[in-house]
Amino acid sequence: MGLGDMKDMFSQMRNMQKQMKQIQKQLASMRFEAETGGGLVKAIVDGEANVVDIIIDPDILDKESAKALSKLVKKAVQQAQKEAKAAVAQQAQQLAGGLGL
């Protein structure tokens, strides 16, 4: 491997780092939403899978027990996190593909 090849490789690595930072910024600003119970419980997470908000329809409090509500909230959060993680994986795959990795 010659000096020119090494310079190209380091340049490519710097570009990849810049792209990763840009992707991380984009993902952090993205929102992923999932709902359960026919829309009675909604969870929203960001691109880093952090919970941003949980919205509970007030009508559910008359219909569901606390245990059932807890299960719906957990399921909505897990689904929203799954969507966020899938988006992260897709972005990473696109970045790697663009670099020929």
PDB file of N, CA and C in Angstrom:
ATOM      1  N   MET A   1       0.858  -1.172   0.000  1.00  0.00           N
ATOM      2  CA  MET A   1       0.000   0.000   0.000  1.00  0.00           C
ATOM      3  C   MET A   1       0.901   1.230   0.000  1.00  0.00           C
ATOM      4  N   GLY A   2       0.724   2.071  -1.002  1.00  0.00           N
ATOM      5  CA  GLY A   2       1.554   3.256  -1.133  1.00  0.00           C
ATOM      6  C   GLY A   2       1.035   4.417  -0.307  1.00  0.00           C
ATOM      7  N   LEU A   3       1.838   5.471  -0.269  1.00  0.00           N
ATOM      8  CA  LEU A   3       1.484   6.665   0.493  1.00  0.00           C
ATOM      9  C   LEU A   3       0.195   7.300  -0.035  1.00  0.00           C
ATOM     10  N   GLY A   4       0.039   7.312  -1.341  1.00  0.00           N
ATOM     11  CA  GLY A   4      -1.185   7.859  -1.944  1.00  0.00           C
ATOM     12  C   GLY A   4      -2.424   7.089  -1.524  1.00  0.00           C
ATOM     13  N   ASP A   5      -2.286   5.758  -1.454  1.00  0.00           N
ATOM     14  CA  ASP A   5      -3.404   4.918  -1.025  1.00  0.00           C
ATOM     15  C   ASP A   5      -3.776   5.200   0.426  1.00  0.00           C
ATOM     16  N   MET A   6      -2.754   5.400   1.261  1.00  0.00           N
ATOM     17  CA  MET A   6      -2.999   5.689   2.679  1.00  0.00           C
ATOM     18  C   MET A   6      -3.711   7.033   2.820  1.00  0.00           C
ATOM     19  N   LYS A   7      -3.285   8.030   2.038  1.00  0.00           N
ATOM     20  CA  LYS A   7      -3.925   9.344   2.099  1.00  0.00           C
ATOM     21  C   LYS A   7      -5.391   9.234   1.683  1.00  0.00           C
ATOM     22  N   ASP A   8      -5.639   8.461   0.641  1.00  0.00           N
ATOM     23  CA  ASP A   8      -7.019   8.264   0.184  1.00  0.00           C
ATOM     24  C   ASP A   8      -7.860   7.579   1.258  1.00  0.00           C
ATOM     25  N   MET A   9      -7.267   6.589   1.912  1.00  0.00           N
ATOM     26  CA  MET A   9      -7.980   5.864   2.946  1.00  0.00           C
ATOM     27  C   MET A   9      -8.319   6.789   4.122  1.00  0.00           C
ATOM     28  N   PHE A  10      -7.366   7.610   4.547  1.00  0.00           N
ATOM     29  CA  PHE A  10      -7.622   8.537   5.648  1.00  0.00           C
ATOM     30  C   PHE A  10      -8.652   9.591   5.250  1.00  0.00           C
ATOM     31  N   SER A  11      -8.594  10.035   4.022  1.00  0.00           N
ATOM     32  CA  SER A  11      -9.571  11.002   3.526  1.00  0.00           C
ATOM     33  C   SER A  11     -10.970  10.389   3.542  1.00  0.00           C
ATOM     34  N   GLN A  12     -11.043   9.146   3.127  1.00  0.00           N
ATOM     35  CA  GLN A  12     -12.320   8.433   3.122  1.00  0.00           C
ATOM     36  C   GLN A  12     -12.848   8.265   4.552  1.00  0.00           C
ATOM     37  N   MET A  13     -11.947   7.983   5.489  1.00  0.00           N
ATOM     38  CA  MET A  13     -12.343   7.831   6.891  1.00  0.00           C
ATOM     39  C   MET A  13     -12.869   9.154   7.445  1.00  0.00           C
ATOM     40  N   ARG A  14     -12.212  10.269   7.112  1.00  0.00           N
ATOM     41  CA  ARG A  14     -12.679  11.579   7.575  1.00  0.00           C
ATOM     42  C   ARG A  14     -14.059  11.888   7.007  1.00  0.00           C
ATOM     43  N   ASN A  15     -14.245  11.575   5.736  1.00  0.00           N
ATOM     44  CA  ASN A  15     -15.556  11.792   5.119  1.00  0.00           C
ATOM     45  C   ASN A  15     -16.631  10.950   5.800  1.00  0.00           C
ATOM     46  N   MET A  16     -16.280   9.723   6.127  1.00  0.00           N
ATOM     47  CA  MET A  16     -17.227   8.837   6.798  1.00  0.00           C
ATOM     48  C   MET A  16     -17.598   9.396   8.171  1.00  0.00           C
ATOM     49  N   GLN A  17     -16.615   9.917   8.904  1.00  0.00           N
ATOM     50  CA  GLN A  17     -16.892  10.504  10.213  1.00  0.00           C
ATOM     51  C   GLN A  17     -17.833  11.697  10.081  1.00  0.00           C
ATOM     52  N   LYS A  18     -17.593  12.547   9.097  1.00  0.00           N
ATOM     53  CA  LYS A  18     -18.464  13.701   8.869  1.00  0.00           C
ATOM     54  C   LYS A  18     -19.883  13.247   8.552  1.00  0.00           C
ATOM     55  N   GLN A  19     -19.981  12.238   7.692  1.00  0.00           N
ATOM     56  CA  GLN A  19     -21.300  11.737   7.315  1.00  0.00           C
ATOM     57  C   GLN A  19     -22.022  11.124   8.514  1.00  0.00           C
ATOM     58  N   MET A  20     -21.283  10.399   9.352  1.00  0.00           N
ATOM     59  CA  MET A  20     -21.888   9.789  10.539  1.00  0.00           C
ATOM     60  C   MET A  20     -22.422  10.865  11.478  1.00  0.00           C
ATOM     61  N   LYS A  21     -21.665  11.940  11.672  1.00  0.00           N
ATOM     62  CA  LYS A  21     -22.128  13.026  12.539  1.00  0.00           C
ATOM     63  C   LYS A  21     -23.390  13.656  11.973  1.00  0.00           C
ATOM     64  N   GLN A  22     -23.418  13.831  10.664  1.00  0.00           N
ATOM     65  CA  GLN A  22     -24.589  14.413  10.013  1.00  0.00           C
ATOM     66  C   GLN A  22     -25.799  13.488  10.171  1.00  0.00           C
ATOM     67  N   ILE A  23     -25.579  12.205   9.994  1.00  0.00           N
ATOM     68  CA  ILE A  23     -26.664  11.231  10.139  1.00  0.00           C
ATOM     69  C   ILE A  23     -27.173  11.215  11.574  1.00  0.00           C
ATOM     70  N   GLN A  24     -26.255  11.268  12.547  1.00  0.00           N
ATOM     71  CA  GLN A  24     -26.665  11.281  13.947  1.00  0.00           C
ATOM     72  C   GLN A  24     -27.523  12.504  14.254  1.00  0.00           C
ATOM     73  N   LYS A  25     -27.150  13.653  13.699  1.00  0.00           N
ATOM     74  CA  LYS A  25     -27.949  14.867  13.886  1.00  0.00           C
ATOM     75  C   LYS A  25     -29.342  14.687  13.294  1.00  0.00           C
ATOM     76  N   GLN A  26     -29.382  14.135  12.083  1.00  0.00           N
ATOM     77  CA  GLN A  26     -30.671  13.918  11.418  1.00  0.00           C
ATOM     78  C   GLN A  26     -31.543  12.969  12.227  1.00  0.00           C
ATOM     79  N   LEU A  27     -30.950  11.876  12.683  1.00  0.00           N
ATOM     80  CA  LEU A  27     -31.711  10.889  13.440  1.00  0.00           C
ATOM     81  C   LEU A  27     -32.220  11.469  14.756  1.00  0.00           C
ATOM     82  N   ALA A  28     -31.397  12.277  15.417  1.00  0.00           N
ATOM     83  CA  ALA A  28     -31.810  12.865  16.689  1.00  0.00           C
ATOM     84  C   ALA A  28     -33.041  13.751  16.508  1.00  0.00           C
ATOM     85  N   SER A  29     -33.172  14.361  15.341  1.00  0.00           N
ATOM     86  CA  SER A  29     -34.316  15.246  15.108  1.00  0.00           C
ATOM     87  C   SER A  29     -35.540  14.500  14.570  1.00  0.00           C
ATOM     88  N   MET A  30     -35.371  13.245  14.203  1.00  0.00           N
ATOM     89  CA  MET A  30     -36.496  12.461  13.675  1.00  0.00           C
ATOM     90  C   MET A  30     -37.373  11.969  14.824  1.00  0.00           C
ATOM     91  N   ARG A  31     -38.632  11.732  14.523  1.00  0.00           N
ATOM     92  CA  ARG A  31     -39.574  11.206  15.501  1.00  0.00           C
ATOM     93  C   ARG A  31     -40.236   9.957  14.925  1.00  0.00           C
ATOM     94  N   PHE A  32     -40.415   8.970  15.780  1.00  0.00           N
ATOM     95  CA  PHE A  32     -41.064   7.722  15.399  1.00  0.00           C
ATOM     96  C   PHE A  32     -42.228   7.505  16.353  1.00  0.00           C
ATOM     97  N   GLU A  33     -43.351   7.147  15.786  1.00  0.00           N
ATOM     98  CA  GLU A  33     -44.585   7.073  16.551  1.00  0.00           C
ATOM     99  C   GLU A  33     -45.201   5.690  16.390  1.00  0.00           C
ATOM    100  N   ALA A  34     -45.709   5.166  17.494  1.00  0.00           N
ATOM    101  CA  ALA A  34     -46.424   3.889  17.446  1.00  0.00           C
ATOM    102  C   ALA A  34     -47.613   3.991  18.383  1.00  0.00           C
ATOM    103  N   GLU A  35     -48.676   3.299  18.015  1.00  0.00           N
ATOM    104  CA  GLU A  35     -49.855   3.326  18.874  1.00  0.00           C
ATOM    105  C   GLU A  35     -50.387   1.920  19.071  1.00  0.00           C
ATOM    106  N   THR A  36     -51.073   1.748  20.199  1.00  0.00           N
ATOM    107  CA  THR A  36     -51.688   0.463  20.525  1.00  0.00           C
ATOM    108  C   THR A  36     -53.100   0.726  21.027  1.00  0.00           C
ATOM    109  N   GLY A  37     -53.834  -0.347  21.191  1.00  0.00           N
ATOM    110  CA  GLY A  37     -55.187  -0.211  21.717  1.00  0.00           C
ATOM    111  C   GLY A  37     -56.089   0.602  20.813  1.00  0.00           C
ATOM    112  N   GLY A  38     -55.890   0.467  19.503  1.00  0.00           N
ATOM    113  CA  GLY A  38     -56.720   1.215  18.567  1.00  0.00           C
ATOM    114  C   GLY A  38     -56.504   2.715  18.649  1.00  0.00           C
ATOM    115  N   GLY A  39     -55.295   3.114  19.001  1.00  0.00           N
ATOM    116  CA  GLY A  39     -54.966   4.537  19.080  1.00  0.00           C
ATOM    117  C   GLY A  39     -55.168   5.139  20.458  1.00  0.00           C
ATOM    118  N   LEU A  40     -55.513   4.316  21.440  1.00  0.00           N
ATOM    119  CA  LEU A  40     -55.734   4.836  22.788  1.00  0.00           C
ATOM    120  C   LEU A  40     -54.436   5.225  23.483  1.00  0.00           C
ATOM    121  N   VAL A  41     -53.346   4.541  23.125  1.00  0.00           N
ATOM    122  CA  VAL A  41     -52.031   4.849  23.700  1.00  0.00           C
ATOM    123  C   VAL A  41     -51.051   5.051  22.558  1.00  0.00           C
ATOM    124  N   LYS A  42     -50.317   6.155  22.621  1.00  0.00           N
ATOM    125  CA  LYS A  42     -49.357   6.479  21.573  1.00  0.00           C
ATOM    126  C   LYS A  42     -48.016   6.805  22.232  1.00  0.00           C
ATOM    127  N   ALA A  43     -46.934   6.245  21.678  1.00  0.00           N
ATOM    128  CA  ALA A  43     -45.581   6.536  22.161  1.00  0.00           C
ATOM    129  C   ALA A  43     -44.802   7.184  21.028  1.00  0.00           C
ATOM    130  N   ILE A  44     -44.009   8.188  21.385  1.00  0.00           N
ATOM    131  CA  ILE A  44     -43.170   8.873  20.406  1.00  0.00           C
ATOM    132  C   ILE A  44     -41.739   8.832  20.921  1.00  0.00           C
ATOM    133  N   VAL A  45     -40.813   8.358  20.064  1.00  0.00           N
ATOM    134  CA  VAL A  45     -39.395   8.320  20.419  1.00  0.00           C
ATOM    135  C   VAL A  45     -38.607   9.063  19.351  1.00  0.00           C
ATOM    136  N   ASP A  46     -37.390   9.485  19.730  1.00  0.00           N
ATOM    137  CA  ASP A  46     -36.532  10.143  18.747  1.00  0.00           C
ATOM    138  C   ASP A  46     -35.669   9.102  18.052  1.00  0.00           C
ATOM    139  N   GLY A  47     -34.820   9.558  17.154  1.00  0.00           N
ATOM    140  CA  GLY A  47     -33.986   8.653  16.375  1.00  0.00           C
ATOM    141  C   GLY A  47     -32.933   7.920  17.176  1.00  0.00           C
ATOM    142  N   GLU A  48     -32.763   8.323  18.430  1.00  0.00           N
ATOM    143  CA  GLU A  48     -31.838   7.619  19.315  1.00  0.00           C
ATOM    144  C   GLU A  48     -32.598   6.697  20.259  1.00  0.00           C
ATOM    145  N   ALA A  49     -33.881   6.485  19.970  1.00  0.00           N
ATOM    146  CA  ALA A  49     -34.775   5.602  20.726  1.00  0.00           C
ATOM    147  C   ALA A  49     -35.094   6.121  22.122  1.00  0.00           C
ATOM    148  N   ASN A  50     -34.943   7.427  22.347  1.00  0.00           N
ATOM    149  CA  ASN A  50     -35.337   8.032  23.617  1.00  0.00           C
ATOM    150  C   ASN A  50     -36.817   8.387  23.558  1.00  0.00           C
ATOM    151  N   VAL A  51     -37.531   8.120  24.646  1.00  0.00           N
ATOM    152  CA  VAL A  51     -38.951   8.439  24.692  1.00  0.00           C
ATOM    153  C   VAL A  51     -39.120   9.957  24.725  1.00  0.00           C
ATOM    154  N   VAL A  52     -39.863  10.484  23.763  1.00  0.00           N
ATOM    155  CA  VAL A  52     -40.132  11.917  23.677  1.00  0.00           C
ATOM    156  C   VAL A  52     -41.468  12.235  24.341  1.00  0.00           C
ATOM    157  N   ASP A  53     -42.466  11.397  24.085  1.00  0.00           N
ATOM    158  CA  ASP A  53     -43.791  11.655  24.636  1.00  0.00           C
ATOM    159  C   ASP A  53     -44.603  10.376  24.660  1.00  0.00           C
ATOM    160  N   ILE A  54     -45.526  10.317  25.595  1.00  0.00           N
ATOM    161  CA  ILE A  54     -46.513   9.246  25.658  1.00  0.00           C
ATOM    162  C   ILE A  54     -47.865   9.932  25.777  1.00  0.00           C
ATOM    163  N   ILE A  55     -48.753   9.605  24.868  1.00  0.00           N
ATOM    164  CA  ILE A  55     -50.069  10.234  24.837  1.00  0.00           C
ATOM    165  C   ILE A  55     -51.114   9.160  25.121  1.00  0.00           C
ATOM    166  N   ILE A  56     -51.935   9.402  26.129  1.00  0.00           N
ATOM    167  CA  ILE A  56     -52.969   8.449  26.522  1.00  0.00           C
ATOM    168  C   ILE A  56     -54.328   9.124  26.353  1.00  0.00           C
ATOM    169  N   ASP A  57     -55.181   8.486  25.585  1.00  0.00           N
ATOM    170  CA  ASP A  57     -56.535   9.002  25.388  1.00  0.00           C
ATOM    171  C   ASP A  57     -57.259   8.965  26.738  1.00  0.00           C
ATOM    172  N   PRO A  58     -57.823  10.073  27.175  1.00  0.00           N
ATOM    173  CA  PRO A  58     -58.501  10.111  28.479  1.00  0.00           C
ATOM    174  C   PRO A  58     -59.637   9.093  28.596  1.00  0.00           C
ATOM    175  N   ASP A  59     -60.236   8.714  27.485  1.00  0.00           N
ATOM    176  CA  ASP A  59     -61.333   7.743  27.530  1.00  0.00           C
ATOM    177  C   ASP A  59     -60.887   6.373  28.016  1.00  0.00           C
ATOM    178  N   ILE A  60     -59.613   6.063  27.883  1.00  0.00           N
ATOM    179  CA  ILE A  60     -59.121   4.740  28.278  1.00  0.00           C
ATOM    180  C   ILE A  60     -59.211   4.537  29.790  1.00  0.00           C
ATOM    181  N   LEU A  61     -59.112   5.603  30.530  1.00  0.00           N
ATOM    182  CA  LEU A  61     -59.123   5.484  31.983  1.00  0.00           C
ATOM    183  C   LEU A  61     -60.449   4.936  32.496  1.00  0.00           C
ATOM    184  N   ASP A  62     -61.498   5.111  31.738  1.00  0.00           N
ATOM    185  CA  ASP A  62     -62.788   4.554  32.125  1.00  0.00           C
ATOM    186  C   ASP A  62     -62.924   3.098  31.691  1.00  0.00           C
ATOM    187  N   LYS A  63     -62.131   2.686  30.724  1.00  0.00           N
ATOM    188  CA  LYS A  63     -62.305   1.367  30.118  1.00  0.00           C
ATOM    189  C   LYS A  63     -61.268   0.336  30.568  1.00  0.00           C
ATOM    190  N   GLU A  64     -60.086   0.789  30.902  1.00  0.00           N
ATOM    191  CA  GLU A  64     -58.988  -0.151  31.134  1.00  0.00           C
ATOM    192  C   GLU A  64     -58.472  -0.067  32.567  1.00  0.00           C
ATOM    193  N   SER A  65     -58.022  -1.193  33.060  1.00  0.00           N
ATOM    194  CA  SER A  65     -57.390  -1.197  34.376  1.00  0.00           C
ATOM    195  C   SER A  65     -55.978  -0.649  34.251  1.00  0.00           C
ATOM    196  N   ALA A  66     -55.363  -0.313  35.367  1.00  0.00           N
ATOM    197  CA  ALA A  66     -53.997   0.217  35.356  1.00  0.00           C
ATOM    198  C   ALA A  66     -53.029  -0.801  34.757  1.00  0.00           C
ATOM    199  N   LYS A  67     -53.237  -2.075  35.027  1.00  0.00           N
ATOM    200  CA  LYS A  67     -52.351  -3.114  34.508  1.00  0.00           C
ATOM    201  C   LYS A  67     -52.433  -3.181  32.983  1.00  0.00           C
ATOM    202  N   ALA A  68     -53.627  -3.132  32.457  1.00  0.00           N
ATOM    203  CA  ALA A  68     -53.799  -3.171  31.003  1.00  0.00           C
ATOM    204  C   ALA A  68     -53.200  -1.925  30.365  1.00  0.00           C
ATOM    205  N   LEU A  69     -53.379  -0.775  30.998  1.00  0.00           N
ATOM    206  CA  LEU A  69     -52.812   0.470  30.485  1.00  0.00           C
ATOM    207  C   LEU A  69     -51.293   0.389  30.449  1.00  0.00           C
ATOM    208  N   SER A  70     -50.713  -0.165  31.491  1.00  0.00           N
ATOM    209  CA  SER A  70     -49.261  -0.324  31.558  1.00  0.00           C
ATOM    210  C   SER A  70     -48.750  -1.182  30.399  1.00  0.00           C
ATOM    211  N   LYS A  71     -49.449  -2.256  30.096  1.00  0.00           N
ATOM    212  CA  LYS A  71     -49.049  -3.135  28.992  1.00  0.00           C
ATOM    213  C   LYS A  71     -49.133  -2.410  27.651  1.00  0.00           C
ATOM    214  N   LEU A  72     -50.178  -1.620  27.458  1.00  0.00           N
ATOM    215  CA  LEU A  72     -50.331  -0.875  26.209  1.00  0.00           C
ATOM    216  C   LEU A  72     -49.220   0.156  26.044  1.00  0.00           C
ATOM    217  N   VAL A  73     -48.891   0.841  27.123  1.00  0.00           N
ATOM    218  CA  VAL A  73     -47.820   1.848  27.065  1.00  0.00           C
ATOM    219  C   VAL A  73     -46.497   1.173  26.719  1.00  0.00           C
ATOM    220  N   LYS A  74     -46.203   0.076  27.393  1.00  0.00           N
ATOM    221  CA  LYS A  74     -44.957  -0.642  27.138  1.00  0.00           C
ATOM    222  C   LYS A  74     -44.883  -1.104  25.688  1.00  0.00           C
ATOM    223  N   LYS A  75     -45.967  -1.635  25.174  1.00  0.00           N
ATOM    224  CA  LYS A  75     -45.992  -2.123  23.797  1.00  0.00           C
ATOM    225  C   LYS A  75     -45.790  -0.976  22.800  1.00  0.00           C
ATOM    226  N   ALA A  76     -46.419   0.159  23.048  1.00  0.00           N
ATOM    227  CA  ALA A  76     -46.270   1.312  22.154  1.00  0.00           C
ATOM    228  C   ALA A  76     -44.835   1.828  22.165  1.00  0.00           C
ATOM    229  N   VAL A  77     -44.229   1.903  23.343  1.00  0.00           N
ATOM    230  CA  VAL A  77     -42.841   2.369  23.452  1.00  0.00           C
ATOM    231  C   VAL A  77     -41.908   1.403  22.730  1.00  0.00           C
ATOM    232  N   GLN A  78     -42.084   0.120  22.938  1.00  0.00           N
ATOM    233  CA  GLN A  78     -41.226  -0.865  22.285  1.00  0.00           C
ATOM    234  C   GLN A  78     -41.335  -0.782  20.768  1.00  0.00           C
ATOM    235  N   GLN A  79     -42.533  -0.583  20.247  1.00  0.00           N
ATOM    236  CA  GLN A  79     -42.718  -0.488  18.800  1.00  0.00           C
ATOM    237  C   GLN A  79     -42.040   0.765  18.252  1.00  0.00           C
ATOM    238  N   ALA A  80     -42.194   1.893  18.952  1.00  0.00           N
ATOM    239  CA  ALA A  80     -41.563   3.137  18.500  1.00  0.00           C
ATOM    240  C   ALA A  80     -40.040   3.015  18.541  1.00  0.00           C
ATOM    241  N   GLN A  81     -39.503   2.373  19.576  1.00  0.00           N
ATOM    242  CA  GLN A  81     -38.055   2.163  19.666  1.00  0.00           C
ATOM    243  C   GLN A  81     -37.577   1.259  18.535  1.00  0.00           C
ATOM    244  N   LYS A  82     -38.349   0.243  18.219  1.00  0.00           N
ATOM    245  CA  LYS A  82     -37.997  -0.674  17.130  1.00  0.00           C
ATOM    246  C   LYS A  82     -37.907   0.084  15.808  1.00  0.00           C
ATOM    247  N   GLU A  83     -38.853   0.983  15.563  1.00  0.00           N
ATOM    248  CA  GLU A  83     -38.840   1.774  14.336  1.00  0.00           C
ATOM    249  C   GLU A  83     -37.622   2.697  14.285  1.00  0.00           C
ATOM    250  N   ALA A  84     -37.276   3.284  15.422  1.00  0.00           N
ATOM    251  CA  ALA A  84     -36.106   4.165  15.472  1.00  0.00           C
ATOM    252  C   ALA A  84     -34.828   3.378  15.197  1.00  0.00           C
ATOM    253  N   LYS A  85     -34.699   2.209  15.794  1.00  0.00           N
ATOM    254  CA  LYS A  85     -33.506   1.386  15.588  1.00  0.00           C
ATOM    255  C   LYS A  85     -33.396   0.918  14.136  1.00  0.00           C
ATOM    256  N   ALA A  86     -34.523   0.610  13.523  1.00  0.00           N
ATOM    257  CA  ALA A  86     -34.510   0.194  12.116  1.00  0.00           C
ATOM    258  C   ALA A  86     -34.031   1.334  11.222  1.00  0.00           C
ATOM    259  N   ALA A  87     -34.437   2.553  11.543  1.00  0.00           N
ATOM    260  CA  ALA A  87     -33.996   3.712  10.757  1.00  0.00           C
ATOM    261  C   ALA A  87     -32.498   3.935  10.916  1.00  0.00           C
ATOM    262  N   VAL A  88     -31.987   3.756  12.128  1.00  0.00           N
ATOM    263  CA  VAL A  88     -30.549   3.893  12.372  1.00  0.00           C
ATOM    264  C   VAL A  88     -29.786   2.851  11.563  1.00  0.00           C
ATOM    265  N   ALA A  89     -30.253   1.614  11.587  1.00  0.00           N
ATOM    266  CA  ALA A  89     -29.587   0.542  10.845  1.00  0.00           C
ATOM    267  C   ALA A  89     -29.608   0.821   9.343  1.00  0.00           C
ATOM    268  N   GLN A  90     -30.722   1.331   8.851  1.00  0.00           N
ATOM    269  CA  GLN A  90     -30.831   1.639   7.425  1.00  0.00           C
ATOM    270  C   GLN A  90     -29.858   2.751   7.040  1.00  0.00           C
ATOM    271  N   GLN A  91     -29.751   3.785   7.859  1.00  0.00           N
ATOM    272  CA  GLN A  91     -28.829   4.884   7.575  1.00  0.00           C
ATOM    273  C   GLN A  91     -27.384   4.388   7.584  1.00  0.00           C
ATOM    274  N   ALA A  92     -27.040   3.551   8.543  1.00  0.00           N
ATOM    275  CA  ALA A  92     -25.681   3.015   8.631  1.00  0.00           C
ATOM    276  C   ALA A  92     -25.368   2.151   7.413  1.00  0.00           C
ATOM    277  N   GLN A  93     -26.341   1.385   6.979  1.00  0.00           N
ATOM    278  CA  GLN A  93     -26.156   0.524   5.807  1.00  0.00           C
ATOM    279  C   GLN A  93     -25.938   1.369   4.553  1.00  0.00           C
ATOM    280  N   GLN A  94     -26.704   2.447   4.416  1.00  0.00           N
ATOM    281  CA  GLN A  94     -26.538   3.335   3.267  1.00  0.00           C
ATOM    282  C   GLN A  94     -25.163   3.991   3.282  1.00  0.00           C
ATOM    283  N   LEU A  95     -24.712   4.391   4.461  1.00  0.00           N
ATOM    284  CA  LEU A  95     -23.395   5.011   4.580  1.00  0.00           C
ATOM    285  C   LEU A  95     -22.303   4.020   4.194  1.00  0.00           C
ATOM    286  N   ALA A  96     -22.395   2.813   4.710  1.00  0.00           N
ATOM    287  CA  ALA A  96     -21.394   1.795   4.398  1.00  0.00           C
ATOM    288  C   ALA A  96     -21.405   1.463   2.908  1.00  0.00           C
ATOM    289  N   GLY A  97     -22.585   1.398   2.315  1.00  0.00           N
ATOM    290  CA  GLY A  97     -22.693   1.112   0.887  1.00  0.00           C
ATOM    291  C   GLY A  97     -22.082   2.214   0.043  1.00  0.00           C
ATOM    292  N   GLY A  98     -22.235   3.451   0.482  1.00  0.00           N
ATOM    293  CA  GLY A  98     -21.671   4.586  -0.242  1.00  0.00           C
ATOM    294  C   GLY A  98     -20.163   4.621  -0.202  1.00  0.00           C
ATOM    295  N   LEU A  99     -19.599   3.957   0.801  1.00  0.00           N
ATOM    296  CA  LEU A  99     -18.144   3.912   0.929  1.00  0.00           C
ATOM    297  C   LEU A  99     -17.560   2.645   0.323  1.00  0.00           C
ATOM    298  N   GLY A 100     -18.418   1.804  -0.198  1.00  0.00           N
ATOM    299  CA  GLY A 100     -17.943   0.564  -0.809  1.00  0.00           C
ATOM    300  C   GLY A 100     -17.519  -0.469   0.207  1.00  0.00           C
ATOM    301  N   LEU A 101     -18.082  -0.407   1.406  1.00  0.00           N
ATOM    302  CA  LEU A 101     -17.723  -1.371   2.454  1.00  0.00           C
ATOM    303  C   LEU A 101     -18.653  -2.563   2.427  1.00  0.00           C
TER     304      LEU A 101
END
